[in-house]
Amino acid sequence: MLNTRKLTLERQFFLDDFDSLSAEAQRQVTDLVAGLKASGVIIPPQIDAK
């Protein structure tokens, strides 16, 4: 348990909703997010190494 990551309630809700999507819809969301990251619109959060 000491090496587990904190998961916010908002992120858990997002992941639950994402899991409820069809495989095609999940692929579309994944492709959209990848495109936004590549264009610099979304900046991935920094992970603290503790």
Protein backbone atom coordinates (compact mmCIF):
# COMPACT_ATOMS: atom_id res chain seq x y z
CA MET A 1 0.00 0.00 0.00
CA LEU A 2 2.89 2.37 0.47
CA ASN A 3 3.63 2.59 -3.25
CA THR A 4 0.05 3.18 -4.41
CA ARG A 5 -0.91 6.35 -6.23
CA LYS A 6 -3.58 8.70 -4.99
CA LEU A 7 -6.68 8.64 -7.16
CA THR A 8 -8.98 11.64 -6.91
CA LEU A 9 -12.70 11.09 -6.83
CA GLU A 10 -13.06 13.04 -10.10
CA ARG A 11 -10.53 10.79 -11.83
CA GLN A 12 -12.25 7.67 -10.50
CA PHE A 13 -15.59 8.94 -11.87
CA PHE A 14 -13.94 9.64 -15.24
CA LEU A 15 -12.40 6.16 -15.36
CA ASP A 16 -15.72 4.55 -14.41
CA ASP A 17 -17.48 6.49 -17.18
CA PHE A 18 -14.71 5.67 -19.67
CA ASP A 19 -15.02 1.96 -18.87
CA SER A 20 -18.74 2.13 -19.60
CA LEU A 21 -18.12 3.36 -23.17
CA SER A 22 -18.07 1.02 -26.15
CA ALA A 23 -14.67 -0.04 -27.49
CA GLU A 24 -15.07 2.33 -30.45
CA ALA A 25 -15.96 5.28 -28.22
CA GLN A 26 -12.98 4.50 -25.94
CA ARG A 27 -10.71 4.51 -28.99
CA GLN A 28 -12.12 7.86 -30.14
CA VAL A 29 -11.56 9.42 -26.70
CA THR A 30 -8.03 8.00 -26.54
CA ASP A 31 -7.22 9.34 -30.03
CA LEU A 32 -8.65 12.76 -29.15
CA VAL A 33 -6.61 13.03 -25.95
CA ALA A 34 -3.45 11.87 -27.74
CA GLY A 35 -3.99 14.56 -30.38
CA LEU A 36 -4.49 17.24 -27.74
CA LYS A 37 -1.32 16.16 -25.93
CA ALA A 38 0.66 16.17 -29.18
CA SER A 39 -0.53 19.69 -30.00
CA GLY A 40 0.39 20.96 -26.54
CA VAL A 41 -3.19 21.76 -25.52
CA ILE A 42 -2.95 19.22 -22.68
CA ILE A 43 0.17 19.05 -20.58
CA PRO A 44 0.53 15.77 -18.65
CA PRO A 45 0.77 16.28 -14.88
CA GLN A 46 4.14 15.82 -13.23
CA ILE A 47 4.37 12.70 -11.09
CA ASP A 48 6.15 13.23 -7.81
CA ALA A 49 8.78 10.60 -7.17
CA LYS A 50 8.78 10.06 -3.42
